[in-house]
C-alpha atoms as a PDB file:
ATOM      1  CA  MET A   1     100.803 247.943-188.736  1.00  0.00           C
ATOM      2  CA  THR A   2     100.462 244.169-189.311  1.00  0.00           C
ATOM      3  CA  GLY A   3      99.022 242.339-192.302  1.00  0.00           C
ATOM      4  CA  THR A   4      98.083 238.773-193.116  1.00  0.00           C
ATOM      5  CA  GLN A   5     101.178 236.605-193.362  1.00  0.00           C
ATOM      6  CA  ASN A   6     101.857 234.837-196.652  1.00  0.00           C
ATOM      7  CA  TYR A   7     101.781 231.059-196.853  1.00  0.00           C
ATOM      8  CA  ILE A   8     105.272 230.112-198.049  1.00  0.00           C
ATOM      9  CA  ASN A   9     105.895 226.465-198.924  1.00  0.00           C
ATOM     10  CA  HIS A  10     109.407 225.053-199.275  1.00  0.00           C
ATOM     11  CA  VAL A  11     109.024 221.799-201.229  1.00  0.00           C
ATOM     12  CA  ALA A  12     112.059 219.583-201.784  1.00  0.00           C
ATOM     13  CA  LEU A  13     112.540 216.582-204.057  1.00  0.00           C
ATOM     14  CA  VAL A  14     115.428 214.330-202.998  1.00  0.00           C
ATOM     15  CA  LEU A  15     115.962 211.935-205.916  1.00  0.00           C
ATOM     16  CA  ASP A  16     117.941 208.701-206.031  1.00  0.00           C
ATOM     17  CA  ALA A  17     120.441 208.972-208.900  1.00  0.00           C
ATOM     18  CA  SER A  18     122.244 205.666-208.311  1.00  0.00           C
ATOM     19  CA  SER A  19     123.125 203.431-211.272  1.00  0.00           C
ATOM     20  CA  SER A  20     120.039 201.245-210.771  1.00  0.00           C
ATOM     21  CA  MET A  21     117.847 204.247-211.675  1.00  0.00           C
ATOM     22  CA  SER A  22     119.450 204.576-215.133  1.00  0.00           C
ATOM     23  CA  HIS A  23     116.644 202.731-216.955  1.00  0.00           C
ATOM     24  CA  LEU A  24     114.126 205.163-215.436  1.00  0.00           C
ATOM     25  CA  SER A  25     116.125 208.389-215.863  1.00  0.00           C
ATOM     26  CA  GLY A  26     113.901 209.877-218.574  1.00  0.00           C
ATOM     27  CA  LYS A  27     110.786 209.073-216.585  1.00  0.00           C
ATOM     28  CA  VAL A  28     112.267 210.575-213.401  1.00  0.00           C
ATOM     29  CA  VAL A  29     112.740 213.880-215.226  1.00  0.00           C
ATOM     30  CA  GLU A  30     109.228 213.715-216.689  1.00  0.00           C
ATOM     31  CA  VAL A  31     107.564 212.934-213.340  1.00  0.00           C
ATOM     32  CA  ALA A  32     109.584 215.611-211.503  1.00  0.00           C
ATOM     33  CA  ASP A  33     108.767 218.223-214.163  1.00  0.00           C
ATOM     34  CA  GLN A  34     105.062 217.271-213.946  1.00  0.00           C
ATOM     35  CA  GLN A  35     105.158 217.647-210.168  1.00  0.00           C
ATOM     36  CA  ILE A  36     106.728 221.107-210.481  1.00  0.00           C
ATOM     37  CA  ALA A  37     104.135 222.185-213.081  1.00  0.00           C
ATOM     38  CA  TYR A  38     101.386 220.939-210.762  1.00  0.00           C
ATOM     39  CA  LEU A  39     102.901 222.862-207.829  1.00  0.00           C
ATOM     40  CA  ALA A  40     103.000 226.027-209.947  1.00  0.00           C
ATOM     41  CA  ARG A  41      99.320 225.690-210.916  1.00  0.00           C
ATOM     42  CA  ARG A  42      98.089 224.957-207.392  1.00  0.00           C
ATOM     43  CA  SER A  43     100.234 227.744-205.915  1.00  0.00           C
ATOM     44  CA  ARG A  44      98.442 230.238-208.184  1.00  0.00           C
ATOM     45  CA  GLU A  45      94.993 228.764-207.450  1.00  0.00           C
ATOM     46  CA  LEU A  46      95.511 228.696-203.668  1.00  0.00           C
ATOM     47  CA  ASP A  47      97.504 231.969-203.560  1.00  0.00           C
ATOM     48  CA  GLN A  48     100.462 230.306-201.851  1.00  0.00           C
ATOM     49  CA  GLU A  49     104.118 231.038-202.560  1.00  0.00           C
ATOM     50  CA  THR A  50     106.044 227.839-203.311  1.00  0.00           C
ATOM     51  CA  ARG A  51     109.790 227.485-203.519  1.00  0.00           C
ATOM     52  CA  VAL A  52     111.406 224.283-204.797  1.00  0.00           C
ATOM     53  CA  THR A  53     114.690 222.586-203.899  1.00  0.00           C
ATOM     54  CA  VAL A  54     116.031 219.515-205.695  1.00  0.00           C
ATOM     55  CA  TYR A  55     118.749 217.176-204.421  1.00  0.00           C
ATOM     56  CA  VAL A  56     120.148 214.177-206.300  1.00  0.00           C
ATOM     57  CA  PHE A  57     122.139 211.484-204.531  1.00  0.00           C
ATOM     58  CA  ALA A  58     124.344 208.546-205.489  1.00  0.00           C
ATOM     59  CA  ASP A  59     127.880 208.243-204.038  1.00  0.00           C
ATOM     60  CA  ARG A  60     127.498 211.867-202.981  1.00  0.00           C
ATOM     61  CA  VAL A  61     124.640 214.255-202.363  1.00  0.00           C
ATOM     62  CA  GLU A  62     124.260 217.298-204.609  1.00  0.00           C
ATOM     63  CA  CYS A  63     121.825 220.199-204.395  1.00  0.00           C
ATOM     64  CA  VAL A  64     121.055 221.081-208.035  1.00  0.00           C
ATOM     65  CA  ILE A  65     118.303 223.663-207.370  1.00  0.00           C
ATOM     66  CA  TYR A  66     117.901 225.575-204.112  1.00  0.00           C
ATOM     67  CA  ASP A  67     114.707 227.289-202.898  1.00  0.00           C
ATOM     68  CA  LYS A  68     113.732 228.581-206.346  1.00  0.00           C
ATOM     69  CA  ASP A  69     110.353 230.163-207.157  1.00  0.00           C
ATOM     70  CA  VAL A  70     108.195 227.367-208.581  1.00  0.00           C
ATOM     71  CA  LEU A  71     107.004 229.694-211.356  1.00  0.00           C
ATOM     72  CA  ARG A  72     110.589 230.011-212.663  1.00  0.00           C
ATOM     73  CA  MET A  73     111.754 226.400-212.397  1.00  0.00           C
ATOM     74  CA  PRO A  74     113.758 224.854-215.261  1.00  0.00           C
ATOM     75  CA  SER A  75     113.351 221.252-216.420  1.00  0.00           C
ATOM     76  CA  LEU A  76     115.504 218.721-214.577  1.00  0.00           C
ATOM     77  CA  LYS A  77     116.623 217.282-217.934  1.00  0.00           C
ATOM     78  CA  GLN A  78     120.197 218.587-217.684  1.00  0.00           C
ATOM     79  CA  LEU A  79     120.435 218.065-213.927  1.00  0.00           C
ATOM     80  CA  TYR A  80     119.649 214.370-213.429  1.00  0.00           C
ATOM     81  CA  ARG A  81     122.438 211.955-214.404  1.00  0.00           C
ATOM     82  CA  PRO A  82     122.310 208.521-212.665  1.00  0.00           C
ATOM     83  CA  GLY A  83     125.504 206.679-211.693  1.00  0.00           C
ATOM     84  CA  GLY A  84     126.937 205.274-208.465  1.00  0.00           C
ATOM     85  CA  MET A  85     125.723 203.812-205.166  1.00  0.00           C
ATOM     86  CA  THR A  86     122.912 204.914-202.785  1.00  0.00           C
ATOM     87  CA  ALA A  87     123.812 207.450-200.060  1.00  0.00           C
ATOM     88  CA  LEU A  88     120.217 207.602-198.818  1.00  0.00           C
ATOM     89  CA  LEU A  89     120.834 208.553-195.171  1.00  0.00           C
ATOM     90  CA  ALA A  90     123.369 211.229-196.093  1.00  0.00           C
ATOM     91  CA  ALA A  91     120.819 212.676-198.530  1.00  0.00           C
ATOM     92  CA  ALA A  92     118.088 212.833-195.878  1.00  0.00           C
ATOM     93  CA  LEU A  93     120.441 214.482-193.386  1.00  0.00           C
ATOM     94  CA  LYS A  94     122.031 216.980-195.772  1.00  0.00           C
ATOM     95  CA  SER A  95     118.739 218.071-197.341  1.00  0.00           C
ATOM     96  CA  GLN A  96     117.085 218.752-193.993  1.00  0.00           C
ATOM     97  CA  ARG A  97     120.176 220.345-192.442  1.00  0.00           C
ATOM     98  CA  GLU A  98     120.625 222.767-195.344  1.00  0.00           C
ATOM     99  CA  LEU A  99     116.922 223.582-195.689  1.00  0.00           C
ATOM    100  CA  ALA A 100     116.881 224.387-191.966  1.00  0.00           C
ATOM    101  CA  GLN A 101     119.169 227.329-192.766  1.00  0.00           C
ATOM    102  CA  THR A 102     116.460 228.895-194.961  1.00  0.00           C
ATOM    103  CA  ALA A 103     115.184 232.199-193.570  1.00  0.00           C
ATOM    104  CA  GLN A 104     111.647 232.011-192.169  1.00  0.00           C
ATOM    105  CA  LEU A 105     110.996 235.728-191.773  1.00  0.00           C
ATOM    106  CA  TYR A 106     107.673 237.491-192.487  1.00  0.00           C
ATOM    107  CA  GLY A 107     105.432 234.626-193.452  1.00  0.00           C
ATOM    108  CA  ASP A 108     103.944 231.297-192.430  1.00  0.00           C
ATOM    109  CA  HIS A 109     106.655 228.941-193.666  1.00  0.00           C
ATOM    110  CA  SER A 110     106.298 225.173-194.059  1.00  0.00           C
ATOM    111  CA  PHE A 111     108.754 222.541-195.338  1.00  0.00           C
ATOM    112  CA  LEU A 112     107.706 219.427-197.274  1.00  0.00           C
ATOM    113  CA  THR A 113     110.351 216.965-198.510  1.00  0.00           C
ATOM    114  CA  PHE A 114     109.883 213.829-200.627  1.00  0.00           C
ATOM    115  CA  VAL A 115     112.759 211.336-200.825  1.00  0.00           C
ATOM    116  CA  LEU A 116     112.480 208.838-203.705  1.00  0.00           C
ATOM    117  CA  THR A 117     114.727 205.753-203.772  1.00  0.00           C
ATOM    118  CA  ASP A 118     114.731 202.415-205.595  1.00  0.00           C
ATOM    119  CA  GLY A 119     117.034 200.620-203.161  1.00  0.00           C
ATOM    120  CA  GLN A 120     118.531 200.359-199.707  1.00  0.00           C
ATOM    121  CA  GLU A 121     121.200 202.531-198.156  1.00  0.00           C
ATOM    122  CA  ASN A 122     124.733 201.385-199.106  1.00  0.00           C
ATOM    123  CA  ALA A 123     127.041 204.390-199.460  1.00  0.00           C
ATOM    124  CA  SER A 124     126.479 207.064-196.782  1.00  0.00           C
ATOM    125  CA  HIS A 125     129.218 205.652-194.538  1.00  0.00           C
ATOM    126  CA  ARG A 126     131.828 206.686-197.140  1.00  0.00           C
ATOM    127  CA  CYS A 127     130.053 209.727-198.545  1.00  0.00           C
ATOM    128  CA  GLU A 128     131.777 213.110-198.133  1.00  0.00           C
ATOM    129  CA  ASP A 129     128.435 214.605-197.029  1.00  0.00           C
ATOM    130  CA  SER A 130     128.050 212.064-194.219  1.00  0.00           C
ATOM    131  CA  PRO A 131     128.416 213.176-190.574  1.00  0.00           C
ATOM    132  CA  SER A 132     129.606 209.673-189.590  1.00  0.00           C
ATOM    133  CA  ARG A 133     131.371 206.623-191.004  1.00  0.00           C
ATOM    134  CA  GLU A 134     129.338 204.220-188.830  1.00  0.00           C
ATOM    135  CA  PRO A 135     126.031 202.974-190.383  1.00  0.00           C
ATOM    136  CA  ARG A 136     124.453 202.618-186.935  1.00  0.00           C
ATOM    137  CA  GLU A 137     125.381 206.196-186.072  1.00  0.00           C
ATOM    138  CA  LEU A 138     123.867 207.420-189.346  1.00  0.00           C
ATOM    139  CA  VAL A 139     120.554 205.705-188.587  1.00  0.00           C
ATOM    140  CA  LYS A 140     120.615 207.244-185.122  1.00  0.00           C
ATOM    141  CA  ALA A 141     121.382 210.704-186.572  1.00  0.00           C
ATOM    142  CA  VAL A 142     118.401 210.540-188.949  1.00  0.00           C
ATOM    143  CA  ALA A 143     116.084 209.318-186.176  1.00  0.00           C
ATOM    144  CA  GLU A 144     117.200 212.139-183.862  1.00  0.00           C
ATOM    145  CA  MET A 145     116.743 214.698-186.632  1.00  0.00           C
ATOM    146  CA  MET A 146     113.212 213.437-187.355  1.00  0.00           C
ATOM    147  CA  ALA A 147     112.313 213.482-183.653  1.00  0.00           C
ATOM    148  CA  THR A 148     113.430 217.084-183.178  1.00  0.00           C
ATOM    149  CA  GLN A 149     111.965 218.721-186.304  1.00  0.00           C
ATOM    150  CA  GLN A 150     109.412 221.464-185.672  1.00  0.00           C
ATOM    151  CA  ASP A 151     105.697 221.065-186.477  1.00  0.00           C
ATOM    152  CA  ASN A 152     106.107 222.899-189.801  1.00  0.00           C
ATOM    153  CA  TRP A 153     108.410 220.182-191.191  1.00  0.00           C
ATOM    154  CA  THR A 154     107.179 217.142-193.126  1.00  0.00           C
ATOM    155  CA  LEU A 155     109.597 214.503-194.404  1.00  0.00           C
ATOM    156  CA  ALA A 156     108.252 211.600-196.495  1.00  0.00           C
ATOM    157  CA  VAL A 157     109.954 208.772-198.363  1.00  0.00           C
ATOM    158  CA  LEU A 158     109.030 206.417-201.209  1.00  0.00           C
ATOM    159  CA  VAL A 159     110.795 203.032-201.024  1.00  0.00           C
ATOM    160  CA  PRO A 160     110.694 199.966-203.318  1.00  0.00           C
ATOM    161  CA  ASP A 161     109.661 197.196-200.900  1.00  0.00           C
ATOM    162  CA  GLN A 162     108.798 196.123-197.348  1.00  0.00           C
ATOM    163  CA  MET A 163     112.476 195.905-196.392  1.00  0.00           C
ATOM    164  CA  GLY A 164     112.885 199.544-197.408  1.00  0.00           C
ATOM    165  CA  LYS A 165     109.835 200.440-195.329  1.00  0.00           C
ATOM    166  CA  ARG A 166     111.265 198.673-192.259  1.00  0.00           C
ATOM    167  CA  GLU A 167     114.578 200.507-192.683  1.00  0.00           C
ATOM    168  CA  ALA A 168     112.791 203.838-193.061  1.00  0.00           C
ATOM    169  CA  MET A 169     110.798 203.191-189.868  1.00  0.00           C
ATOM    170  CA  GLN A 170     114.028 202.338-188.029  1.00  0.00           C
ATOM    171  CA  CYS A 171     115.316 205.749-189.115  1.00  0.00           C
ATOM    172  CA  GLY A 172     112.326 207.459-187.482  1.00  0.00           C
ATOM    173  CA  PHE A 173     110.096 208.082-190.507  1.00  0.00           C
ATOM    174  CA  PRO A 174     106.434 207.942-189.384  1.00  0.00           C
ATOM    175  CA  LYS A 175     104.869 204.840-190.992  1.00  0.00           C
ATOM    176  CA  ASP A 176     102.230 206.990-192.721  1.00  0.00           C
ATOM    177  CA  ASN A 177     104.997 209.082-194.303  1.00  0.00           C
ATOM    178  CA  ILE A 178     106.390 205.987-196.053  1.00  0.00           C
ATOM    179  CA  ALA A 179     104.978 204.701-199.352  1.00  0.00           C
ATOM    180  CA  ILE A 180     106.040 201.693-201.414  1.00  0.00           C
ATOM    181  CA  TRP A 181     106.388 202.097-205.172  1.00  0.00           C
ATOM    182  CA  ASP A 182     107.102 199.678-208.018  1.00  0.00           C
ATOM    183  CA  ALA A 183     110.697 200.523-208.963  1.00  0.00           C
ATOM    184  CA  THR A 184     110.812 198.001-211.813  1.00  0.00           C
ATOM    185  CA  SER A 185     108.872 199.952-214.440  1.00  0.00           C
ATOM    186  CA  THR A 186     108.054 203.380-215.825  1.00  0.00           C
ATOM    187  CA  GLN A 187     104.421 202.680-214.909  1.00  0.00           C
ATOM    188  CA  GLY A 188     105.483 202.229-211.286  1.00  0.00           C
ATOM    189  CA  LEU A 189     107.295 205.563-211.370  1.00  0.00           C
ATOM    190  CA  GLU A 190     104.253 207.217-212.946  1.00  0.00           C
ATOM    191  CA  GLU A 191     102.138 205.901-210.062  1.00  0.00           C
ATOM    192  CA  ALA A 192     104.745 207.148-207.568  1.00  0.00           C
ATOM    193  CA  GLY A 193     104.389 210.608-209.117  1.00  0.00           C
ATOM    194  CA  GLN A 194     100.620 210.404-208.615  1.00  0.00           C
ATOM    195  CA  VAL A 195     101.128 209.451-204.962  1.00  0.00           C
ATOM    196  CA  ILE A 196     103.420 212.468-204.497  1.00  0.00           C
ATOM    197  CA  ARG A 197     100.862 214.754-206.177  1.00  0.00           C
ATOM    198  CA  GLN A 198      98.117 213.366-203.981  1.00  0.00           C
ATOM    199  CA  ALA A 199     100.172 213.977-200.837  1.00  0.00           C
ATOM    200  CA  THR A 200     101.134 217.477-202.022  1.00  0.00           C
ATOM    201  CA  GLU A 201      97.505 218.361-202.677  1.00  0.00           C
ATOM    202  CA  ASN A 202      96.611 217.245-199.161  1.00  0.00           C
ATOM    203  CA  PHE A 203      99.475 219.352-197.801  1.00  0.00           C
ATOM    204  CA  MET A 204      98.582 222.523-199.744  1.00  0.00           C
ATOM    205  CA  VAL A 205      94.856 222.340-198.989  1.00  0.00           C
ATOM    206  CA  GLY A 206      95.755 221.802-195.330  1.00  0.00           C
ATOM    207  CA  ARG A 207      98.056 224.821-195.455  1.00  0.00           C
ATOM    208  CA  ALA A 208      95.140 226.992-196.582  1.00  0.00           C
ATOM    209  CA  GLN A 209      93.340 225.863-193.412  1.00  0.00           C
ATOM    210  CA  GLY A 210      96.307 226.640-191.151  1.00  0.00           C
ATOM    211  CA  ILE A 211      97.812 223.130-190.899  1.00  0.00           C
ATOM    212  CA  ARG A 212     101.614 223.464-190.887  1.00  0.00           C
ATOM    213  CA  GLY A 213     102.918 219.892-191.237  1.00  0.00           C
ATOM    214  CA  SER A 214     101.907 216.240-191.321  1.00  0.00           C
ATOM    215  CA  ARG A 215     103.053 212.852-190.094  1.00  0.00           C
ATOM    216  CA  ALA A 216     100.475 211.118-192.300  1.00  0.00           C
ATOM    217  CA  VAL A 217     101.001 212.346-195.857  1.00  0.00           C
ATOM    218  CA  PHE A 218     100.289 208.926-197.432  1.00  0.00           C
ATOM    219  CA  SER A 219      97.345 207.998-195.199  1.00  0.00           C
ATOM    220  CA  THR A 220      93.558 207.819-195.021  1.00  0.00           C
ATOM    221  CA  GLY A 221      93.910 206.903-191.342  1.00  0.00           C
ATOM    222  CA  ALA A 222      93.018 208.849-188.218  1.00  0.00           C
ATOM    223  CA  ASP A 223      95.885 211.343-188.601  1.00  0.00           C
ATOM    224  CA  ALA A 224      94.588 212.380-192.035  1.00  0.00           C
ATOM    225  CA  VAL A 225      90.798 211.987-191.612  1.00  0.00           C
ATOM    226  CA  ASN A 226      89.441 213.213-188.292  1.00  0.00           C
ATOM    227  CA  GLU A 227      87.105 215.858-186.876  1.00  0.00           C
ATOM    228  CA  ASP A 228      89.710 218.605-187.160  1.00  0.00           C
ATOM    229  CA  THR A 229      90.733 217.879-190.775  1.00  0.00           C
ATOM    230  CA  ILE A 230      87.081 217.519-191.841  1.00  0.00           C
ATOM    231  CA  LYS A 231      86.314 220.888-190.287  1.00  0.00           C
ATOM    232  CA  ALA A 232      89.450 222.413-191.846  1.00  0.00           C
ATOM    233  CA  ALA A 233      88.405 221.150-195.281  1.00  0.00           C
ATOM    234  CA  GLY A 234      85.056 222.914-194.899  1.00  0.00           C
ATOM    235  CA  LEU A 235      82.975 219.744-195.190  1.00  0.00           C
ATOM    236  CA  THR A 236      79.342 219.871-194.040  1.00  0.00           C
ATOM    237  CA  PRO A 237      77.143 216.819-193.380  1.00  0.00           C
ATOM    238  CA  VAL A 238      74.602 215.582-195.924  1.00  0.00           C
ATOM    239  CA  GLU A 239      70.929 215.795-194.878  1.00  0.00           C
ATOM    240  CA  PRO A 240      70.092 212.340-193.367  1.00  0.00           C
ATOM    241  CA  SER A 241      66.961 212.055-195.517  1.00  0.00           C
ATOM    242  CA  LYS A 242      69.105 212.179-198.659  1.00  0.00           C
ATOM    243  CA  TYR A 243      71.024 208.928-198.145  1.00  0.00           C
ATOM    244  CA  GLN A 244      70.717 205.405-196.805  1.00  0.00           C
ATOM    245  CA  LEU A 245      73.350 203.025-195.449  1.00  0.00           C
ATOM    246  CA  ILE A 246      72.769 199.413-196.481  1.00  0.00           C
ATOM    247  CA  PRO A 247      74.643 196.452-194.933  1.00  0.00           C
ATOM    248  CA  VAL A 248      76.247 194.117-197.488  1.00  0.00           C
ATOM    249  CA  ALA A 249      75.417 190.587-196.319  1.00  0.00           C
ATOM    250  CA  ARG A 250      77.295 188.712-199.070  1.00  0.00           C
ATOM    251  CA  ASP A 251      79.625 189.325-202.001  1.00  0.00           C
ATOM    252  CA  ALA A 252      77.438 190.701-204.796  1.00  0.00           C
ATOM    253  CA  GLY A 253      77.365 193.010-207.797  1.00  0.00           C
ATOM    254  CA  ILE A 254      76.411 196.572-206.870  1.00  0.00           C
ATOM    255  CA  ARG A 255      73.297 196.874-209.061  1.00  0.00           C
ATOM    256  CA  GLU A 256      72.153 193.392-208.053  1.00  0.00           C
ATOM    257  CA  TRP A 257      72.434 194.229-204.337  1.00  0.00           C
ATOM    258  CA  VAL A 258      70.758 197.634-204.571  1.00  0.00           C
ATOM    259  CA  ILE A 259      67.754 196.112-206.399  1.00  0.00           C
ATOM    260  CA  GLU A 260      67.642 193.127-204.027  1.00  0.00           C
ATOM    261  CA  CYS A 261      67.404 195.581-201.113  1.00  0.00           C
ATOM    262  CA  GLY A 262      64.328 197.185-202.715  1.00  0.00           C
ATOM    263  CA  HIS A 263      65.824 200.274-204.366  1.00  0.00           C
ATOM    264  CA  PRO A 264      66.050 201.343-208.014  1.00  0.00           C
ATOM    265  CA  TYR A 265      69.629 201.470-209.326  1.00  0.00           C
ATOM    266  CA  ARG A 266      70.832 204.831-210.633  1.00  0.00           C
ATOM    267  CA  THR A 267      74.397 205.008-211.985  1.00  0.00           C
ATOM    268  CA  GLY A 268      76.541 207.198-209.718  1.00  0.00           C
ATOM    269  CA  ALA A 269      74.134 207.142-206.756  1.00  0.00           C
ATOM    270  CA  ALA A 270      75.779 204.186-204.990  1.00  0.00           C
ATOM    271  CA  PHE A 271      79.072 204.415-203.067  1.00  0.00           C
ATOM    272  CA  TYR A 272      81.039 201.326-202.004  1.00  0.00           C
ATOM    273  CA  GLN A 273      83.166 201.116-198.872  1.00  0.00           C
ATOM    274  CA  LEU A 274      86.906 201.376-199.561  1.00  0.00           C
ATOM    275  CA  SER A 275      88.142 198.034-198.217  1.00  0.00           C
ATOM    276  CA  LYS A 276      91.334 197.375-200.210  1.00  0.00           C
ATOM    277  CA  SER A 277      94.011 199.309-202.083  1.00  0.00           C
ATOM    278  CA  GLU A 278      92.702 200.365-205.493  1.00  0.00           C
ATOM    279  CA  LYS A 279      92.835 203.033-208.165  1.00  0.00           C
ATOM    280  CA  ILE A 280      90.311 205.883-207.952  1.00  0.00           C
ATOM    281  CA  GLN A 281      89.602 207.830-211.132  1.00  0.00           C
ATOM    282  CA  ALA A 282      89.566 211.628-211.316  1.00  0.00           C
ATOM    283  CA  GLN A 283      85.791 211.877-211.809  1.00  0.00           C
ATOM    284  CA  LYS A 284      84.853 209.659-208.829  1.00  0.00           C
ATOM    285  CA  GLN A 285      83.215 211.364-205.849  1.00  0.00           C
ATOM    286  CA  ILE A 286      84.261 210.539-202.289  1.00  0.00           C
ATOM    287  CA  ALA A 287      82.100 210.334-199.167  1.00  0.00           C
ATOM    288  CA  VAL A 288      83.316 210.183-195.567  1.00  0.00           C
ATOM    289  CA  LEU A 289      81.205 208.427-192.911  1.00  0.00           C
ATOM    290  CA  GLU A 290      81.480 209.198-189.204  1.00  0.00           C
ATOM    291  CA  LYS A 291      81.031 205.760-187.618  1.00  0.00           C
ATOM    292  CA  LYS A 292      79.495 206.737-184.281  1.00  0.00           C
ATOM    293  CA  THR A 293      76.769 208.935-185.806  1.00  0.00           C
ATOM    294  CA  ASP A 294      76.425 207.560-189.391  1.00  0.00           C
ATOM    295  CA  ARG A 295      76.816 211.192-190.498  1.00  0.00           C
ATOM    296  CA  VAL A 296      78.013 211.477-194.103  1.00  0.00           C
ATOM    297  CA  TYR A 297      80.185 214.195-195.664  1.00  0.00           C
ATOM    298  CA  THR A 298      80.675 214.502-199.419  1.00  0.00           C
ATOM    299  CA  GLY A 299      81.358 217.015-202.202  1.00  0.00           C
ATOM    300  CA  PRO A 300      84.556 218.227-203.958  1.00  0.00           C
ATOM    301  CA  ALA A 301      86.192 219.033-200.615  1.00  0.00           C
ATOM    302  CA  ALA A 302      86.024 215.341-199.658  1.00  0.00           C
ATOM    303  CA  ARG A 303      88.490 214.526-202.448  1.00  0.00           C
ATOM    304  CA  SER A 304      90.716 217.370-201.271  1.00  0.00           C
ATOM    305  CA  LEU A 305      90.582 215.974-197.721  1.00  0.00           C
ATOM    306  CA  LEU A 306      92.280 212.820-199.015  1.00  0.00           C
ATOM    307  CA  GLY A 307      94.605 214.857-201.229  1.00  0.00           C
ATOM    308  CA  LEU A 308      93.260 213.226-204.410  1.00  0.00           C
ATOM    309  CA  PRO A 309      94.566 214.942-207.562  1.00  0.00           C
ATOM    310  CA  ASN A 310      92.590 215.354-210.799  1.00  0.00           C
ATOM    311  CA  THR A 311      94.125 212.146-212.157  1.00  0.00           C
ATOM    312  CA  GLU A 312      93.708 208.439-211.452  1.00  0.00           C
ATOM    313  CA  VAL A 313      95.555 207.511-208.271  1.00  0.00           C
ATOM    314  CA  ARG A 314      95.924 204.463-206.027  1.00  0.00           C
ATOM    315  CA  VAL A 315      94.450 204.812-202.514  1.00  0.00           C
ATOM    316  CA  LYS A 316      94.604 202.357-199.625  1.00  0.00           C
ATOM    317  CA  PRO A 317      92.233 202.199-196.635  1.00  0.00           C
ATOM    318  CA  ASP A 318      94.258 202.797-193.484  1.00  0.00           C
ATOM    319  CA  HIS A 319      92.951 201.889-190.046  1.00  0.00           C
ATOM    320  CA  ASN A 320      90.619 204.574-188.710  1.00  0.00           C
ATOM    321  CA  ASP A 321      88.451 203.970-185.630  1.00  0.00           C
ATOM    322  CA  ASP A 322      86.165 206.924-186.293  1.00  0.00           C
ATOM    323  CA  PHE A 323      85.702 207.399-190.059  1.00  0.00           C
ATOM    324  CA  THR A 324      85.141 205.232-193.151  1.00  0.00           C
ATOM    325  CA  ILE A 325      85.841 206.203-196.773  1.00  0.00           C
ATOM    326  CA  PHE A 326      83.264 205.487-199.509  1.00  0.00           C
ATOM    327  CA  VAL A 327      83.909 205.739-203.271  1.00  0.00           C
ATOM    328  CA  GLN A 328      81.311 206.468-205.951  1.00  0.00           C
ATOM    329  CA  SER A 329      80.618 203.592-208.328  1.00  0.00           C
ATOM    330  CA  THR A 330      79.782 204.362-211.953  1.00  0.00           C
ATOM    331  CA  SER A 331      79.471 200.711-213.015  1.00  0.00           C
ATOM    332  CA  VAL A 332      76.699 198.131-212.647  1.00  0.00           C
ATOM    333  CA  ASN A 333      78.893 195.153-211.776  1.00  0.00           C
ATOM    334  CA  ARG A 334      81.250 196.557-209.116  1.00  0.00           C
ATOM    335  CA  LYS A 335      81.755 193.672-206.669  1.00  0.00           C
ATOM    336  CA  LEU A 336      80.670 194.561-203.135  1.00  0.00           C
ATOM    337  CA  VAL A 337      82.522 192.870-200.254  1.00  0.00           C
ATOM    338  CA  SER A 338      80.448 191.114-197.587  1.00  0.00           C
ATOM    339  CA  HIS A 339      80.384 192.654-194.095  1.00  0.00           C
ATOM    340  CA  THR A 340      80.943 196.168-195.525  1.00  0.00           C
ATOM    341  CA  ARG A 341      78.262 198.803-196.092  1.00  0.00           C
ATOM    342  CA  LEU A 342      76.844 200.480-199.166  1.00  0.00           C
ATOM    343  CA  LEU A 343      76.049 204.193-199.203  1.00  0.00           C
ATOM    344  CA  LEU A 344      73.048 204.999-201.423  1.00  0.00           C
ATOM    345  CA  MET A 345      72.224 208.603-202.297  1.00  0.00           C
ATOM    346  CA  LEU A 346      68.432 208.975-202.559  1.00  0.00           C
END
């Protein structure tokens, strides 16, 4: 006799604990604890089992919590103590190698790992957890590991700058699994936590639809928004008679342009095209436009499609040949960008 297999998520946080993180240590604990509380809540709501692993790395890599039920997780307060250099590559390798030994019996298992660092690799070549003393060999080892992981493995990294992003790409991280965060302030770390929550939401909602892994956890591009993910999210198109798409011929305020185009302005009825990185508040609705048909999808599931949490979060428009993201405006003076389009709900 066979039954429905459980969804079992193995989520790992791999946290930089080098000396340069000392000024953020309290915030690291707070953000990590918030992420774990969020995972616990969503696991209950989506009826998914989630198990959490935490690694910290400096001169060496240490697993401080291994595959523990998210509903029984302690605070990281006593477990995170910054000091030392940055054995980033050793941390990526050790975390994935050890997690790969986790039993995957009797369930639909999926592995999601977030690596958070505020600097470049500088210590793995002399780290006891390192498989090599040659930096070039370490980069090669990470790239080979990434290339051979199964489809139920997702490895993402948050780095402090473009140099960190280039290094991560050289190591084989998919570009849409790399995010840049502001490592100079507690506000930057708070925003990084929101990005992780957003990506986790996308992952868990996708899991409920049978998606096992992602190479685009920080993306609104074609890997994240496409026919398959829209169908998986349960989105249905809006009746064409209930909306209108209006070209924006010049930079203008949103109310001004709607009235100029012959329509009354109702707060919340107009959606602007996402054309630059910006913060989207928790109450804002999202609409997705299919370019070739001008078909529009909206509703709560549209936020879930992008992995948007119930908090303010920064979102960037990634290149997507087939779909465009629109964001609800609740102001009268939102500046529209020329050569974009305005979505007006009638």
